[in-house]
Amino acid sequence: MSENGNGKKELVEIFVDGQPVKVLPGINAIEAAKVAGKEIPHYCYHPKLSVVGNCRMCLMEMGTPMRDRETGEPILEEDGSQKIGWIPKPVIGCSTNVSPGMHIKTESDLVKDCREGVMEFLLVNHPLDCPICDQAGECSLQEYAMDYGRGYSRYEERKNVKPKRTRLGPRVTLDDERCVLCSRCIRFGQEIADQDVLGFVDRGSFSTLTCHPNKELDHNYSLNTVDICPVGALTSTDFRFKMRVWFLKESPSICTESSIGANTTVWSREGTIHRITPRRNDAVNDTWMTDSGRELFNQVAADTRLTSFQIGGNSADATASIEEATGLLSKGKTAVVASCHQSVEEQFITRKIADHLNSSVYIARHLGKGDGLLLSEDRTPNTRGALLNGLTDNLPTEDLSSLAEKIDSEKVDTLLVCREDLTRVGLSEAQLEKVKLVLLDTQTSATASHADVQLPALTVFEKNGTFVNLNFRLQKFSQAVPGPAGLLPDTLILSKILSTLTGESFPDSPATIWKSLSQSNSNFKGIDFSSIPTDGIQLEKSAFDHIDFPEKQSLKYSPAAITG
């Protein structure tokens, strides 16, 4: 594989339906055709799984430049052009890697006949009930039947009846009558999740997908099998028959379950979130995410949600609450508790407030057991953002015992707490009784019950912002649904507090905050919020090489290079 002087792979030229195109050497014909703007239909092939070549839908014609076997010289046509030696039978694109000068035909009569034949066999025992299928709207079988099928059926015999509504695990249901035996789900368990649970039994048209004896599909990545199923065979038990996908709005977001920062898509309609699925980012999570991360949207409508501004336990409007909160904050004995759950923009303003008050900033870590895949030990999404914003110069501690000591010694009499339950990080309720407490949070807690001023916050699904993941990659998330009536974005609340304290106006939206952030913080120099790409920006992390981060992104697979 040749490389240029910069260490980058040199592109090779191939021909797709007669058109020259330059692609990375070694990629398969399916991915090469994409570069040329051509589609080679497929079911069993997935760019992040091994190649098995069992669906045969990607059949194509392939030829290579002919050379004299003795001299090695090119064999030419009568007109002087290079003669191409075409393989007499079609080949599968998924296992055919490109080489210089290769020719591919994706639209010939032979290829069309092959595709129609494969589609006809796939539909022999498949139920023709697309209008009521849960996969309608995102089904490859439905799409390819329209694009590449015959348009009529010659099959008159009775179809085989296969198991329906089979429980494979607590979160996945199988309609085996729809399965096209692509084996994607089987390979995912073996190669990615390292949980060999699924397999085929019986033979021929009676082949059935099932779990191995005494096992079920219950690992924390089971719903990824639903994502990669090309038809309506595997479905999410929770989302099954709840909503048609074409009614749903898609919003790019970031999973806040851990510091991995998995890219996600939030699917919503009319202010209600219906599901979360992984969004492809080869630099972070490939195309996968945890099942537990998909459930985080339940916090939006949880019974524990804080939905009103309060002063002394009584409801108040936003303006009065913010003014009351600002009145409690004074220089000298105020401490600020920030959070690794805050966005980069929120942490930036929190730092500004602490600087104005000459206050110490306390920040806690939340740790759990990592799985070595896409769930890290750090169960917060923005610890690196706290480091870059200067909220801490080392890893945060797991408890705030130092703050508790200052409260007991009366060195601190007021707390501004952002998105943290202090009783879970080393403080007692008796200590909270000793201080004036301003709380900005999304859920009720023991700390909230002691708050003098309660400022309800928005969840990650209800606002815009950025996080920095464990590999110091800056990533942007977008608002998917509106917050509860009357609630304000966290950046606006914090900005109003800062403006009231200083008497100077301060930006209150992520886009305007970034103009100040990129100018005043060298870690984010030159970055504009609107220009942050969907796959994020890799930030410089050498300044933190001295920190021994225990949580690392240790993927069990290697993201494959696909196209240039």
Protein backbone atom coordinates (compact mmCIF):
# COMPACT_ATOMS: atom_id res chain seq x y z
CA MET A 1 0.00 0.00 0.00
CA SER A 2 1.82 3.11 -1.17
CA GLU A 3 2.12 6.29 0.84
CA ASN A 4 3.14 9.79 -0.14
CA GLY A 5 5.75 11.89 1.63
CA ASN A 6 3.21 13.00 4.24
CA GLY A 7 2.50 9.43 5.30
CA LYS A 8 -0.95 9.46 3.71
CA LYS A 9 -2.18 6.62 1.53
CA GLU A 10 -2.08 7.47 -2.16
CA LEU A 11 -5.38 7.08 -3.99
CA VAL A 12 -5.77 4.59 -6.81
CA GLU A 13 -7.86 5.08 -9.92
CA ILE A 14 -10.65 2.66 -10.75
CA PHE A 15 -13.57 2.82 -13.16
CA VAL A 16 -17.19 2.53 -12.04
CA ASP A 17 -19.61 2.11 -14.93
CA GLY A 18 -16.94 3.59 -17.17
CA GLN A 19 -16.33 6.67 -15.05
CA PRO A 20 -12.87 7.15 -13.49
CA VAL A 21 -12.76 7.72 -9.73
CA LYS A 22 -9.92 7.87 -7.20
CA VAL A 23 -10.37 5.86 -3.99
CA LEU A 24 -8.31 4.57 -1.09
CA PRO A 25 -6.46 1.37 -1.96
CA GLY A 26 -7.84 -1.81 -0.46
CA ILE A 27 -11.41 -0.70 0.21
CA ASN A 28 -14.15 -2.93 -1.12
CA ALA A 29 -16.23 -2.29 -4.20
CA ILE A 30 -19.34 -1.25 -2.24
CA GLU A 31 -17.48 1.63 -0.57
CA ALA A 32 -15.64 2.50 -3.77
CA ALA A 33 -18.93 2.78 -5.64
CA LYS A 34 -20.20 5.22 -2.98
CA VAL A 35 -17.30 7.55 -3.80
CA ALA A 36 -18.46 7.48 -7.41
CA GLY A 37 -22.04 8.24 -6.35
CA LYS A 38 -23.25 4.75 -7.19
CA GLU A 39 -25.17 2.38 -4.95
CA ILE A 40 -24.44 -1.31 -4.73
CA PRO A 41 -27.33 -2.74 -2.68
CA HIS A 42 -26.45 -5.07 0.18
CA TYR A 43 -27.87 -6.70 3.31
CA CYS A 44 -25.20 -8.74 5.08
CA TYR A 45 -22.37 -6.25 4.58
CA HIS A 46 -21.78 -3.67 7.31
CA PRO A 47 -18.67 -1.42 7.27
CA LYS A 48 -17.88 -2.17 10.94
CA LEU A 49 -18.34 -5.96 10.79
CA SER A 50 -16.49 -8.81 9.11
CA VAL A 51 -17.43 -9.78 5.56
CA VAL A 52 -19.39 -13.01 5.10
CA GLY A 53 -20.92 -12.57 1.65
CA ASN A 54 -24.07 -14.57 2.32
CA CYS A 55 -26.86 -12.38 0.94
CA ARG A 56 -25.49 -12.07 -2.65
CA MET A 57 -27.39 -8.83 -3.17
CA CYS A 58 -24.18 -6.95 -4.01
CA LEU A 59 -23.40 -8.95 -7.14
CA MET A 60 -21.64 -6.91 -9.84
CA GLU A 61 -19.43 -7.36 -12.89
CA MET A 62 -15.70 -6.88 -12.42
CA GLY A 63 -12.76 -6.69 -14.78
CA THR A 64 -9.06 -5.85 -14.63
CA PRO A 65 -6.55 -4.56 -17.19
CA MET A 66 -5.12 -7.45 -19.24
CA ARG A 67 -1.37 -7.97 -19.52
CA ASP A 68 0.76 -10.34 -21.54
CA ARG A 69 1.75 -13.21 -19.24
CA GLU A 70 5.28 -13.43 -20.66
CA THR A 71 6.26 -9.79 -21.07
CA GLY A 72 3.93 -8.12 -18.60
CA GLU A 73 3.07 -5.53 -21.24
CA PRO A 74 -0.52 -4.23 -21.44
CA ILE A 75 -2.77 -5.88 -24.01
CA LEU A 76 -4.48 -3.24 -26.11
CA GLU A 77 -7.69 -3.09 -28.11
CA GLU A 78 -7.60 -2.32 -31.83
CA ASP A 79 -8.16 1.36 -31.07
CA GLY A 80 -5.15 1.42 -28.73
CA SER A 81 -7.10 1.47 -25.48
CA GLN A 82 -6.37 -0.87 -22.60
CA LYS A 83 -8.14 -4.22 -22.97
CA ILE A 84 -10.17 -5.24 -19.92
CA GLY A 85 -10.52 -8.85 -18.90
CA TRP A 86 -14.02 -9.29 -17.51
CA ILE A 87 -14.73 -12.17 -15.15
CA PRO A 88 -17.43 -14.28 -16.86
CA LYS A 89 -19.58 -14.58 -13.75
CA PRO A 90 -20.74 -11.81 -11.38
CA VAL A 91 -18.81 -11.32 -8.14
CA ILE A 92 -19.91 -9.97 -4.76
CA GLY A 93 -18.86 -6.41 -4.06
CA CYS A 94 -18.46 -6.76 -0.30
CA SER A 95 -15.46 -9.12 -0.55
CA THR A 96 -13.93 -7.62 -3.68
CA ASN A 97 -11.20 -5.13 -2.83
CA VAL A 98 -10.23 -2.54 -5.41
CA SER A 99 -6.93 -2.51 -7.26
CA PRO A 100 -5.47 0.05 -9.71
CA GLY A 101 -7.28 0.08 -13.03
CA MET A 102 -10.15 -2.16 -11.87
CA HIS A 103 -13.44 -1.80 -13.75
CA ILE A 104 -16.81 -2.29 -12.08
CA LYS A 105 -20.26 -2.52 -13.66
CA THR A 106 -23.20 -1.83 -11.35
CA GLU A 107 -25.96 -1.28 -13.92
CA SER A 108 -25.47 -3.93 -16.62
CA ASP A 109 -28.26 -6.28 -17.70
CA LEU A 110 -26.52 -9.19 -15.99
CA VAL A 111 -26.28 -7.29 -12.71
CA LYS A 112 -29.94 -6.26 -12.88
CA ASP A 113 -31.01 -9.88 -13.51
CA CYS A 114 -28.94 -11.03 -10.53
CA ARG A 115 -30.47 -8.47 -8.21
CA GLU A 116 -33.99 -9.29 -9.31
CA GLY A 117 -33.32 -12.97 -8.72
CA VAL A 118 -31.91 -12.40 -5.24
CA MET A 119 -34.84 -10.16 -4.32
CA GLU A 120 -37.27 -12.77 -5.59
CA PHE A 121 -35.74 -15.45 -3.35
CA LEU A 122 -35.70 -13.13 -0.31
CA LEU A 123 -39.40 -12.41 -0.76
CA VAL A 124 -40.45 -16.04 -1.27
CA ASN A 125 -41.38 -16.51 2.39
CA HIS A 126 -41.40 -12.87 3.45
CA PRO A 127 -44.77 -11.43 4.57
CA LEU A 128 -45.94 -8.74 2.19
CA ASP A 129 -47.32 -6.41 4.86
CA CYS A 130 -45.09 -3.35 4.60
CA PRO A 131 -47.85 -0.90 5.65
CA ILE A 132 -48.06 -2.45 9.14
CA CYS A 133 -44.38 -3.39 9.56
CA ASP A 134 -42.60 -1.56 12.36
CA GLN A 135 -39.55 -1.09 10.13
CA ALA A 136 -41.49 0.76 7.42
CA GLY A 137 -39.68 3.93 6.48
CA GLU A 138 -36.18 2.61 7.27
CA CYS A 139 -36.26 -0.88 5.74
CA SER A 140 -33.62 -1.86 3.19
CA LEU A 141 -35.74 -4.75 1.93
CA GLN A 142 -38.61 -2.40 1.20
CA GLU A 143 -36.35 0.11 -0.52
CA TYR A 144 -34.43 -2.43 -2.59
CA ALA A 145 -37.64 -4.23 -3.60
CA MET A 146 -38.82 -0.96 -5.10
CA ASP A 147 -35.49 -0.06 -6.71
CA TYR A 148 -34.15 -3.45 -7.79
CA GLY A 149 -37.04 -5.95 -7.61
CA ARG A 150 -39.08 -7.34 -10.50
CA GLY A 151 -42.23 -5.55 -9.47
CA TYR A 152 -44.29 -8.74 -9.55
CA SER A 153 -44.21 -12.18 -7.94
CA ARG A 154 -44.17 -15.59 -9.58
CA TYR A 155 -44.52 -17.47 -6.29
CA GLU A 156 -47.87 -19.16 -5.74
CA GLU A 157 -47.10 -21.74 -3.05
CA ARG A 158 -47.87 -21.37 0.65
CA LYS A 159 -45.25 -19.42 2.58
CA ASN A 160 -43.36 -20.95 5.48
CA VAL A 161 -44.61 -19.67 8.83
CA LYS A 162 -41.85 -18.72 11.26
CA PRO A 163 -41.93 -17.62 14.92
CA LYS A 164 -43.37 -14.17 15.61
CA ARG A 165 -43.05 -11.82 18.62
CA THR A 166 -40.19 -13.90 20.04
CA ARG A 167 -38.49 -12.46 23.10
CA LEU A 168 -34.74 -12.60 22.57
CA GLY A 169 -33.98 -10.50 25.64
CA PRO A 170 -35.45 -7.81 27.87
CA ARG A 171 -35.14 -5.12 25.19
CA VAL A 172 -35.27 -6.93 21.83
CA THR A 173 -38.19 -8.71 20.12
CA LEU A 174 -37.84 -10.89 17.01
CA ASP A 175 -40.30 -11.31 14.15
CA ASP A 176 -38.44 -14.15 12.45
CA GLU A 177 -40.76 -14.23 9.47
CA ARG A 178 -39.05 -10.99 8.34
CA CYS A 179 -35.44 -12.16 8.83
CA VAL A 180 -33.30 -12.32 5.66
CA LEU A 181 -30.50 -14.28 7.40
CA CYS A 182 -27.93 -11.52 6.92
CA SER A 183 -26.18 -12.52 10.22
CA ARG A 184 -25.31 -8.91 11.13
CA CYS A 185 -26.72 -9.38 14.65
CA ILE A 186 -24.72 -12.58 15.14
CA ARG A 187 -21.46 -10.97 14.04
CA PHE A 188 -22.08 -7.89 16.18
CA GLY A 189 -22.34 -10.05 19.28
CA GLN A 190 -19.21 -12.00 18.40
CA GLU A 191 -17.01 -9.17 17.18
CA ILE A 192 -18.12 -5.98 18.93
CA ALA A 193 -20.03 -6.77 22.12
CA ASP A 194 -18.00 -9.94 22.77
CA GLN A 195 -21.26 -11.69 23.68
CA ASP A 196 -21.80 -14.72 21.44
CA VAL A 197 -25.52 -15.17 22.06
CA LEU A 198 -27.30 -15.45 18.70
CA GLY A 199 -27.18 -18.07 15.96
CA PHE A 200 -29.18 -19.84 13.24
CA VAL A 201 -30.88 -23.21 13.61
CA ASP A 202 -32.48 -25.48 10.97
CA ARG A 203 -31.69 -25.29 7.27
CA GLY A 204 -32.84 -23.83 3.98
CA SER A 205 -36.05 -21.84 4.05
CA PHE A 206 -36.66 -23.08 7.60
CA SER A 207 -33.56 -21.38 9.04
CA THR A 208 -34.43 -19.43 12.17
CA LEU A 209 -32.58 -16.91 14.33
CA THR A 210 -32.50 -17.78 18.02
CA CYS A 211 -30.45 -17.51 21.20
CA HIS A 212 -27.99 -20.18 22.23
CA PRO A 213 -29.39 -22.61 24.84
CA ASN A 214 -29.72 -21.11 28.32
CA LYS A 215 -28.74 -17.65 27.04
CA GLU A 216 -30.61 -14.49 26.11
CA LEU A 217 -29.75 -11.19 24.46
CA ASP A 218 -29.42 -9.17 27.64
CA HIS A 219 -26.06 -7.38 27.41
CA ASN A 220 -25.80 -3.57 27.47
CA TYR A 221 -25.37 -3.30 23.69
CA SER A 222 -28.30 -5.46 22.59
CA LEU A 223 -30.23 -2.65 20.90
CA ASN A 224 -27.41 -2.11 18.43
CA THR A 225 -28.63 -5.30 16.75
CA VAL A 226 -31.92 -3.50 16.12
CA ASP A 227 -30.08 -0.55 14.59
CA ILE A 228 -28.14 -2.69 12.12
CA CYS A 229 -30.96 -5.08 11.21
CA PRO A 230 -31.72 -4.16 7.58
CA VAL A 231 -35.32 -5.34 7.80
CA GLY A 232 -38.06 -5.49 10.42
CA ALA A 233 -36.92 -8.70 12.10
CA LEU A 234 -35.29 -7.26 15.24
CA THR A 235 -37.25 -4.51 16.97
CA SER A 236 -36.91 -2.52 20.17
CA THR A 237 -39.49 -3.82 22.63
CA ASP A 238 -39.86 -0.34 24.10
CA PHE A 239 -40.25 1.50 20.76
CA ARG A 240 -42.09 -1.30 18.94
CA PHE A 241 -45.20 0.01 17.13
CA LYS A 242 -45.09 3.29 19.08
CA MET A 243 -44.45 5.77 16.26
CA ARG A 244 -43.80 5.93 12.53
CA VAL A 245 -40.25 7.12 11.94
CA TRP A 246 -41.23 9.57 9.21
CA PHE A 247 -43.17 11.57 11.79
CA LEU A 248 -40.09 11.99 14.00
CA LYS A 249 -37.59 14.86 14.03
CA GLU A 250 -33.90 13.95 14.23
CA SER A 251 -31.58 16.03 16.42
CA PRO A 252 -27.82 15.39 16.83
CA SER A 253 -26.78 14.99 20.45
CA ILE A 254 -24.13 13.54 22.77
CA CYS A 255 -24.64 10.73 25.28
CA THR A 256 -24.01 12.04 28.80
CA GLU A 257 -23.78 8.63 30.44
CA SER A 258 -19.98 8.70 30.56
CA SER A 259 -16.93 10.57 29.31
CA ILE A 260 -16.85 8.55 26.07
CA GLY A 261 -19.15 11.13 24.46
CA ALA A 262 -20.94 8.74 22.10
CA ASN A 263 -22.62 10.60 19.25
CA THR A 264 -26.38 10.08 19.18
CA THR A 265 -29.53 11.02 17.32
CA VAL A 266 -32.58 12.02 19.36
CA TRP A 267 -35.91 11.19 17.69
CA SER A 268 -38.83 13.37 18.82
CA ARG A 269 -42.28 14.55 17.84
CA GLU A 270 -44.29 17.45 19.21
CA GLY A 271 -41.99 17.96 22.18
CA THR A 272 -41.82 14.27 23.17
CA ILE A 273 -38.72 12.11 22.76
CA HIS A 274 -39.48 8.60 21.51
CA ARG A 275 -36.05 7.03 21.12
CA ILE A 276 -32.29 7.61 20.97
CA THR A 277 -30.03 5.86 18.47
CA PRO A 278 -26.26 6.03 17.84
CA ARG A 279 -24.89 8.48 15.30
CA ARG A 280 -21.81 7.44 13.38
CA ASN A 281 -18.50 9.03 14.38
CA ASP A 282 -15.48 6.88 13.56
CA ALA A 283 -13.29 8.93 15.92
CA VAL A 284 -15.49 8.24 18.97
CA ASN A 285 -18.09 5.48 18.90
CA ASP A 286 -18.20 4.15 15.34
CA THR A 287 -21.92 3.37 14.99
CA TRP A 288 -22.65 1.96 18.47
CA MET A 289 -23.88 3.06 21.89
CA THR A 290 -24.98 1.47 25.17
CA ASP A 291 -28.56 0.42 25.89
CA SER A 292 -28.45 2.30 29.20
CA GLY A 293 -27.52 5.51 27.38
CA ARG A 294 -30.66 5.24 25.27
CA GLU A 295 -32.83 5.49 28.39
CA LEU A 296 -31.48 8.85 29.57
CA PHE A 297 -34.28 10.76 27.86
CA ASN A 298 -36.65 9.49 30.57
CA GLN A 299 -35.25 12.20 32.84
CA VAL A 300 -37.05 14.82 30.73
CA ALA A 301 -40.50 13.79 31.97
CA ALA A 302 -39.44 12.17 35.25
CA ASP A 303 -41.58 12.68 38.35
CA THR A 304 -38.48 14.06 40.07
CA ARG A 305 -38.07 16.88 37.53
CA LEU A 306 -37.68 20.43 38.87
CA THR A 307 -40.10 22.56 36.89
CA SER A 308 -40.50 25.83 38.79
CA PHE A 309 -38.43 28.65 40.24
CA GLN A 310 -38.71 28.85 44.01
CA ILE A 311 -37.65 31.20 46.81
CA GLY A 312 -37.70 29.69 50.28
CA GLY A 313 -39.82 26.81 49.05
CA ASN A 314 -42.46 29.05 47.47
CA SER A 315 -43.00 29.48 43.74
CA ALA A 316 -41.63 32.62 42.16
CA ASP A 317 -40.93 33.93 38.69
CA ALA A 318 -37.55 33.69 37.02
CA THR A 319 -36.60 37.34 37.43
CA ALA A 320 -37.33 37.46 41.16
CA SER A 321 -35.55 34.14 41.73
CA ILE A 322 -32.41 35.22 39.90
CA GLU A 323 -32.35 38.54 41.75
CA GLU A 324 -32.84 36.75 45.08
CA ALA A 325 -30.07 34.29 44.22
CA THR A 326 -27.71 37.12 43.29
CA GLY A 327 -28.50 38.92 46.55
CA LEU A 328 -27.41 35.90 48.56
CA LEU A 329 -24.05 35.63 46.80
CA SER A 330 -21.40 37.78 48.39
CA LYS A 331 -17.62 38.01 48.27
CA GLY A 332 -15.71 36.34 51.03
CA LYS A 333 -17.76 33.42 52.29
CA THR A 334 -19.41 32.09 49.11
CA ALA A 335 -18.25 28.82 47.60
CA VAL A 336 -19.15 27.67 44.09
CA VAL A 337 -19.83 24.01 43.32
CA ALA A 338 -19.53 23.38 39.60
CA SER A 339 -20.24 20.14 37.78
CA CYS A 340 -18.73 17.91 35.14
CA HIS A 341 -22.31 17.57 33.84
CA GLN A 342 -22.31 21.24 32.83
CA SER A 343 -21.52 22.13 29.23
CA VAL A 344 -18.34 23.96 28.28
CA GLU A 345 -20.30 27.22 28.02
CA GLU A 346 -21.93 26.80 31.44
CA GLN A 347 -18.61 25.96 33.06
CA PHE A 348 -17.07 29.07 31.49
CA ILE A 349 -19.68 31.39 33.04
CA THR A 350 -19.50 29.54 36.37
CA ARG A 351 -15.75 30.19 36.41
CA LYS A 352 -16.43 33.89 35.74
CA ILE A 353 -18.89 34.05 38.65
CA ALA A 354 -16.40 32.39 40.99
CA ASP A 355 -13.65 34.79 39.91
CA HIS A 356 -15.83 37.81 40.58
CA LEU A 357 -16.78 36.51 44.03
CA ASN A 358 -13.18 35.48 44.80
CA SER A 359 -14.69 32.10 45.59
CA SER A 360 -13.14 28.68 45.64
CA VAL A 361 -14.56 26.28 43.07
CA TYR A 362 -15.36 22.72 44.11
CA ILE A 363 -16.10 19.98 41.65
CA ALA A 364 -16.72 16.26 42.20
CA ARG A 365 -16.13 13.15 40.14
CA HIS A 366 -18.70 10.42 39.62
CA LEU A 367 -17.15 7.04 38.95
CA GLY A 368 -18.51 3.65 38.00
CA LYS A 369 -17.29 0.44 36.46
CA GLY A 370 -16.23 0.77 32.83
CA ASP A 371 -16.82 -1.95 30.26
CA GLY A 372 -13.79 -1.36 28.02
CA LEU A 373 -16.03 -0.52 25.09
CA LEU A 374 -18.25 2.57 25.20
CA LEU A 375 -18.85 3.03 28.92
CA SER A 376 -15.98 4.64 30.81
CA GLU A 377 -15.30 4.81 34.54
CA ASP A 378 -15.97 8.56 34.50
CA ARG A 379 -19.77 8.86 34.53
CA THR A 380 -19.85 12.52 33.52
CA PRO A 381 -19.60 13.93 29.99
CA ASN A 382 -17.39 16.98 30.58
CA THR A 383 -14.55 16.42 33.07
CA ARG A 384 -12.06 17.49 30.39
CA GLY A 385 -14.09 20.65 29.82
CA ALA A 386 -13.71 21.49 33.51
CA LEU A 387 -9.95 21.13 33.17
CA LEU A 388 -9.81 23.27 30.04
CA ASN A 389 -12.01 25.94 31.66
CA GLY A 390 -9.77 26.10 34.72
CA LEU A 391 -12.42 24.91 37.19
CA THR A 392 -9.82 22.45 38.45
CA ASP A 393 -6.14 21.90 37.72
CA ASN A 394 -6.21 18.17 38.37
CA LEU A 395 -8.68 15.32 38.53
CA PRO A 396 -11.69 16.25 40.69
CA THR A 397 -12.10 14.36 43.94
CA GLU A 398 -14.88 11.87 44.57
CA ASP A 399 -16.10 13.80 47.61
CA LEU A 400 -16.13 17.41 48.78
CA SER A 401 -14.93 16.81 52.33
CA SER A 402 -12.76 19.94 52.13
CA LEU A 403 -15.88 22.01 51.51
CA ALA A 404 -17.63 20.29 54.42
CA GLU A 405 -14.75 21.29 56.70
CA LYS A 406 -15.03 24.93 55.63
CA ILE A 407 -18.76 24.93 56.36
CA ASP A 408 -18.18 23.45 59.80
CA SER A 409 -15.50 26.07 60.54
CA GLU A 410 -17.84 28.83 59.29
CA LYS A 411 -15.42 29.90 56.57
CA VAL A 412 -18.23 29.34 54.05
CA ASP A 413 -21.81 30.47 54.67
CA THR A 414 -23.24 30.53 51.12
CA LEU A 415 -23.18 27.97 48.30
CA LEU A 416 -23.92 28.32 44.60
CA VAL A 417 -24.44 24.73 43.49
CA CYS A 418 -24.73 23.73 39.83
CA ARG A 419 -26.14 20.33 38.90
CA GLU A 420 -24.96 18.46 41.98
CA ASP A 421 -26.55 16.69 44.94
CA LEU A 422 -24.12 17.55 47.72
CA THR A 423 -25.36 14.75 49.97
CA ARG A 424 -23.93 12.26 47.48
CA VAL A 425 -20.45 13.79 47.49
CA GLY A 426 -19.58 14.07 51.16
CA LEU A 427 -21.85 16.71 52.72
CA SER A 428 -24.56 16.02 55.29
CA GLU A 429 -28.00 17.59 55.42
CA ALA A 430 -27.01 19.10 58.77
CA GLN A 431 -24.18 20.95 57.01
CA LEU A 432 -26.56 22.17 54.32
CA GLU A 433 -28.74 23.66 57.06
CA LYS A 434 -25.83 25.86 58.10
CA VAL A 435 -25.52 27.69 54.77
CA LYS A 436 -27.59 29.78 52.39
CA LEU A 437 -28.03 27.64 49.31
CA VAL A 438 -28.66 28.58 45.67
CA LEU A 439 -29.24 25.51 43.51
CA LEU A 440 -29.33 25.16 39.72
CA ASP A 441 -30.39 21.62 38.82
CA THR A 442 -32.81 19.47 36.82
CA GLN A 443 -33.99 16.91 39.39
CA THR A 444 -35.20 16.97 42.98
CA SER A 445 -32.71 15.78 45.59
CA ALA A 446 -31.82 16.13 49.26
CA THR A 447 -29.88 19.25 48.32
CA ALA A 448 -32.91 20.73 46.55
CA SER A 449 -35.01 20.34 49.68
CA HIS A 450 -32.56 22.66 51.50
CA ALA A 451 -32.28 25.28 48.74
CA ASP A 452 -33.09 28.88 49.65
CA VAL A 453 -33.37 29.62 45.95
CA GLN A 454 -34.18 26.90 43.44
CA LEU A 455 -33.33 27.56 39.80
CA PRO A 456 -34.67 24.76 37.56
CA ALA A 457 -32.28 23.80 34.78
CA LEU A 458 -32.72 22.23 31.36
CA THR A 459 -31.61 18.72 30.39
CA VAL A 460 -29.14 18.11 27.58
CA PHE A 461 -32.09 17.38 25.29
CA GLU A 462 -33.56 20.86 25.77
CA LYS A 463 -30.60 23.10 24.99
CA ASN A 464 -27.53 23.61 22.79
CA GLY A 465 -23.92 23.39 23.85
CA THR A 466 -20.67 21.42 23.79
CA PHE A 467 -18.84 18.76 25.80
CA VAL A 468 -15.22 17.59 25.74
CA ASN A 469 -14.89 13.81 25.87
CA LEU A 470 -12.19 11.70 27.50
CA ASN A 471 -9.96 12.00 24.43
CA PHE A 472 -10.22 15.82 24.53
CA ARG A 473 -12.56 15.91 21.55
CA LEU A 474 -14.89 18.93 21.53
CA GLN A 475 -18.37 17.88 20.41
CA LYS A 476 -21.59 19.79 19.90
CA PHE A 477 -25.12 18.80 20.89
CA SER A 478 -28.39 20.39 19.73
CA GLN A 479 -31.76 21.02 21.31
CA ALA A 480 -34.22 18.24 20.51
CA VAL A 481 -37.33 19.32 22.45
CA PRO A 482 -38.41 22.50 24.26
CA GLY A 483 -38.01 22.65 28.02
CA PRO A 484 -40.94 22.92 30.46
CA ALA A 485 -42.89 26.18 30.19
CA GLY A 486 -41.18 29.08 31.90
CA LEU A 487 -37.76 27.47 32.28
CA LEU A 488 -34.67 29.27 30.99
CA PRO A 489 -31.43 27.86 29.52
CA ASP A 490 -28.68 27.37 32.10
CA THR A 491 -26.40 29.76 30.22
CA LEU A 492 -29.03 32.49 30.42
CA ILE A 493 -29.56 32.01 34.17
CA LEU A 494 -25.83 32.01 34.91
CA SER A 495 -25.27 34.97 32.60
CA LYS A 496 -27.98 36.98 34.36
CA ILE A 497 -26.40 36.20 37.74
CA LEU A 498 -22.98 37.29 36.46
CA SER A 499 -24.38 40.44 34.85
CA THR A 500 -26.23 41.40 38.04
CA LEU A 501 -23.11 40.83 40.15
CA THR A 502 -20.78 42.81 37.88
CA GLY A 503 -23.18 45.40 36.50
CA GLU A 504 -21.98 44.53 33.00
CA SER A 505 -23.79 42.63 30.30
CA PHE A 506 -22.51 39.18 29.39
CA PRO A 507 -23.38 36.87 26.45
CA ASP A 508 -26.00 34.26 27.26
CA SER A 509 -26.19 31.88 24.29
CA PRO A 510 -23.61 29.28 23.24
CA ALA A 511 -22.83 31.08 19.98
CA THR A 512 -22.16 34.44 21.66
CA ILE A 513 -20.40 32.88 24.64
CA TRP A 514 -17.94 31.19 22.31
CA LYS A 515 -16.84 34.55 20.92
CA SER A 516 -15.65 35.48 24.41
CA LEU A 517 -14.49 31.97 25.27
CA SER A 518 -12.25 31.54 22.23
CA GLN A 519 -10.64 34.93 22.82
CA SER A 520 -9.96 34.54 26.53
CA ASN A 521 -9.09 30.84 26.77
CA SER A 522 -6.10 29.62 24.76
CA ASN A 523 -7.40 26.02 24.94
CA PHE A 524 -10.29 27.03 22.66
CA LYS A 525 -8.52 29.68 20.59
CA GLY A 526 -9.92 30.31 17.14
CA ILE A 527 -13.00 28.10 17.54
CA ASP A 528 -16.40 29.39 16.51
CA PHE A 529 -19.50 27.59 17.81
CA SER A 530 -21.25 27.53 14.45
CA SER A 531 -18.22 26.02 12.71
CA ILE A 532 -17.79 23.02 15.05
CA PRO A 533 -18.31 20.03 12.70
CA THR A 534 -20.68 17.18 13.41
CA ASP A 535 -17.80 14.84 14.24
CA GLY A 536 -16.17 17.35 16.62
CA ILE A 537 -12.75 18.99 16.92
CA GLN A 538 -9.72 17.31 18.43
CA LEU A 539 -8.22 19.67 21.04
CA GLU A 540 -4.63 19.80 22.23
CA LYS A 541 -4.22 17.72 25.40
CA SER A 542 -0.46 17.80 26.00
CA ALA A 543 -0.89 20.33 28.82
CA PHE A 544 -2.60 17.59 30.82
CA ASP A 545 -0.13 14.78 30.19
CA HIS A 546 0.87 14.94 33.84
CA ILE A 547 -2.59 13.76 34.90
CA ASP A 548 -3.02 10.02 35.21
CA PHE A 549 -6.51 9.56 33.87
CA PRO A 550 -7.78 6.15 35.04
CA GLU A 551 -10.55 6.05 32.47
CA LYS A 552 -9.45 5.53 28.90
CA GLN A 553 -11.30 4.76 25.69
CA SER A 554 -10.27 1.14 25.09
CA LEU A 555 -12.33 -0.09 22.18
CA LYS A 556 -12.40 -3.80 21.43
CA TYR A 557 -12.46 -3.09 17.70
CA SER A 558 -10.63 -0.78 15.33
CA PRO A 559 -12.60 1.77 13.29
CA ALA A 560 -11.98 0.85 9.67
CA ALA A 561 -10.92 3.44 7.10
CA ILE A 562 -13.63 3.53 4.49
CA THR A 563 -13.18 6.32 1.99
CA GLY A 564 -10.89 9.25 1.39
